[in-house]
């Protein structure tokens, strides 16, 4: 997972099927549900988010919401955040 320079909360995540073409993940899209350029997100995840929003409902169940690339980007972000907070607030054992 690589941060996209100059773009807040956007990441390039390696494709599991085509290593030459990483997917673009935006973790701030869709109210924080995220968005990915992969086929799975576009065909399975986006319709769930779109339909829930159209009906005024909250997000669908979280396991159904995220493709593997969004999950990887979220984990990457959380790891960075926790490392920064640990440095700023002192390491705990």
C-alpha atoms as a PDB file:
ATOM      1  CA  UNK A   1       0.000   0.000   0.000  1.00  0.00           C
ATOM      2  CA  UNK A   2       1.401   3.381  -1.027  1.00  0.00           C
ATOM      3  CA  UNK A   3       0.162   6.850  -0.115  1.00  0.00           C
ATOM      4  CA  UNK A   4      -0.734   8.997  -3.135  1.00  0.00           C
ATOM      5  CA  UNK A   5       1.490  12.071  -2.857  1.00  0.00           C
ATOM      6  CA  UNK A   6      -0.450  15.276  -2.300  1.00  0.00           C
ATOM      7  CA  UNK A   7      -3.819  13.518  -1.975  1.00  0.00           C
ATOM      8  CA  UNK A   8      -5.192  13.097   1.534  1.00  0.00           C
ATOM      9  CA  UNK A   9      -6.367   9.567   2.370  1.00  0.00           C
ATOM     10  CA  UNK A  10      -5.830   8.213  -1.141  1.00  0.00           C
ATOM     11  CA  UNK A  11      -3.721   5.103  -1.648  1.00  0.00           C
ATOM     12  CA  UNK A  12      -2.455   2.807  -4.379  1.00  0.00           C
ATOM     13  CA  UNK A  13      -3.058  -0.827  -3.439  1.00  0.00           C
ATOM     14  CA  UNK A  14      -1.551  -3.729  -5.338  1.00  0.00           C
ATOM     15  CA  UNK A  15      -3.993  -5.812  -7.324  1.00  0.00           C
ATOM     16  CA  UNK A  16      -4.197  -9.485  -6.418  1.00  0.00           C
ATOM     17  CA  UNK A  17      -4.801 -10.392 -10.072  1.00  0.00           C
ATOM     18  CA  UNK A  18      -2.641  -7.905 -12.039  1.00  0.00           C
ATOM     19  CA  UNK A  19       0.413  -6.661 -10.156  1.00  0.00           C
ATOM     20  CA  UNK A  20       1.167  -4.143 -12.931  1.00  0.00           C
ATOM     21  CA  UNK A  21      -1.996  -2.126 -12.276  1.00  0.00           C
ATOM     22  CA  UNK A  22      -2.576  -1.106  -8.640  1.00  0.00           C
ATOM     23  CA  UNK A  23      -6.013   0.062  -7.575  1.00  0.00           C
ATOM     24  CA  UNK A  24      -6.747   3.589  -6.377  1.00  0.00           C
ATOM     25  CA  UNK A  25      -8.483   3.660  -2.989  1.00  0.00           C
ATOM     26  CA  UNK A  26     -10.034   6.815  -1.520  1.00  0.00           C
ATOM     27  CA  UNK A  27     -10.870   6.298   2.149  1.00  0.00           C
ATOM     28  CA  UNK A  28     -12.789   9.581   2.473  1.00  0.00           C
ATOM     29  CA  UNK A  29     -15.240   8.824  -0.335  1.00  0.00           C
ATOM     30  CA  UNK A  30     -18.836   7.905   0.415  1.00  0.00           C
ATOM     31  CA  UNK A  31     -18.904   9.319   3.913  1.00  0.00           C
ATOM     32  CA  UNK A  32     -15.858   7.326   4.966  1.00  0.00           C
ATOM     33  CA  UNK A  33     -17.017   4.024   3.502  1.00  0.00           C
ATOM     34  CA  UNK A  34     -14.322   4.454   0.873  1.00  0.00           C
ATOM     35  CA  UNK A  35     -14.112   3.772  -2.828  1.00  0.00           C
ATOM     36  CA  UNK A  36     -11.869   1.563  -4.938  1.00  0.00           C
ATOM     37  CA  UNK A  37     -11.155   1.315  -8.640  1.00  0.00           C
ATOM     38  CA  UNK A  38     -11.408  -2.491  -8.612  1.00  0.00           C
ATOM     39  CA  UNK A  39     -14.166  -4.457 -10.325  1.00  0.00           C
ATOM     40  CA  UNK A  40     -15.362  -6.009  -7.048  1.00  0.00           C
ATOM     41  CA  UNK A  41     -15.987  -2.603  -5.494  1.00  0.00           C
ATOM     42  CA  UNK A  42     -17.754  -1.282  -8.571  1.00  0.00           C
ATOM     43  CA  UNK A  43     -20.009  -4.288  -9.051  1.00  0.00           C
ATOM     44  CA  UNK A  44     -20.631  -5.530  -5.489  1.00  0.00           C
ATOM     45  CA  UNK A  45     -19.761  -2.894  -2.907  1.00  0.00           C
ATOM     46  CA  UNK A  46     -20.914   0.342  -4.583  1.00  0.00           C
ATOM     47  CA  UNK A  47     -24.465  -0.902  -5.255  1.00  0.00           C
ATOM     48  CA  UNK A  48     -24.862  -1.714  -1.541  1.00  0.00           C
ATOM     49  CA  UNK A  49     -23.696   1.749  -0.508  1.00  0.00           C
ATOM     50  CA  UNK A  50     -25.746   3.497  -3.202  1.00  0.00           C
ATOM     51  CA  UNK A  51     -28.946   1.581  -2.442  1.00  0.00           C
ATOM     52  CA  UNK A  52     -28.644   2.104   1.310  1.00  0.00           C
ATOM     53  CA  UNK A  53     -28.108   5.844   0.800  1.00  0.00           C
ATOM     54  CA  UNK A  54     -31.081   6.083  -1.580  1.00  0.00           C
ATOM     55  CA  UNK A  55     -33.323   4.482   1.058  1.00  0.00           C
ATOM     56  CA  UNK A  56     -31.935   6.683   3.838  1.00  0.00           C
ATOM     57  CA  UNK A  57     -30.399   3.712   5.632  1.00  0.00           C
ATOM     58  CA  UNK A  58     -27.038   3.419   7.305  1.00  0.00           C
ATOM     59  CA  UNK A  59     -24.214   1.549   5.632  1.00  0.00           C
ATOM     60  CA  UNK A  60     -24.707  -2.156   4.959  1.00  0.00           C
ATOM     61  CA  UNK A  61     -22.948  -4.689   7.185  1.00  0.00           C
ATOM     62  CA  UNK A  62     -19.258  -3.806   7.223  1.00  0.00           C
ATOM     63  CA  UNK A  63     -17.934  -7.110   5.833  1.00  0.00           C
ATOM     64  CA  UNK A  64     -20.103  -6.536   2.762  1.00  0.00           C
ATOM     65  CA  UNK A  65     -18.996  -2.933   2.389  1.00  0.00           C
ATOM     66  CA  UNK A  66     -15.237  -3.212   1.847  1.00  0.00           C
ATOM     67  CA  UNK A  67     -13.282  -4.875  -0.935  1.00  0.00           C
ATOM     68  CA  UNK A  68      -9.868  -6.279  -0.014  1.00  0.00           C
ATOM     69  CA  UNK A  69      -8.122  -3.163  -1.325  1.00  0.00           C
ATOM     70  CA  UNK A  70     -10.164  -0.830   0.904  1.00  0.00           C
ATOM     71  CA  UNK A  71      -9.441  -3.143   3.849  1.00  0.00           C
ATOM     72  CA  UNK A  72      -5.702  -3.048   3.067  1.00  0.00           C
ATOM     73  CA  UNK A  73      -5.717   0.770   2.803  1.00  0.00           C
ATOM     74  CA  UNK A  74      -7.665   1.120   6.069  1.00  0.00           C
ATOM     75  CA  UNK A  75      -5.192  -1.193   7.823  1.00  0.00           C
ATOM     76  CA  UNK A  76      -2.265   0.773   6.378  1.00  0.00           C
ATOM     77  CA  UNK A  77      -3.753   4.049   7.609  1.00  0.00           C
ATOM     78  CA  UNK A  78      -4.474   2.640  11.066  1.00  0.00           C
ATOM     79  CA  UNK A  79      -0.908   1.291  11.350  1.00  0.00           C
ATOM     80  CA  UNK A  80       0.499   4.722  10.435  1.00  0.00           C
ATOM     81  CA  UNK A  81      -1.808   6.482  12.877  1.00  0.00           C
ATOM     82  CA  UNK A  82      -0.971   4.163  15.750  1.00  0.00           C
ATOM     83  CA  UNK A  83       2.784   4.448  15.113  1.00  0.00           C
ATOM     84  CA  UNK A  84       2.520   8.252  15.116  1.00  0.00           C
ATOM     85  CA  UNK A  85       0.418   8.306  18.272  1.00  0.00           C
ATOM     86  CA  UNK A  86       2.827   5.929  19.994  1.00  0.00           C
ATOM     87  CA  UNK A  87       5.761   8.235  19.200  1.00  0.00           C
ATOM     88  CA  UNK A  88       3.872  11.348  20.294  1.00  0.00           C
ATOM     89  CA  UNK A  89       2.443   9.906  23.503  1.00  0.00           C
ATOM     90  CA  UNK A  90       5.327   7.682  24.502  1.00  0.00           C
ATOM     91  CA  UNK A  91       5.778   4.010  23.829  1.00  0.00           C
ATOM     92  CA  UNK A  92       4.037   1.701  26.279  1.00  0.00           C
ATOM     93  CA  UNK A  93       5.131  -1.796  27.072  1.00  0.00           C
END
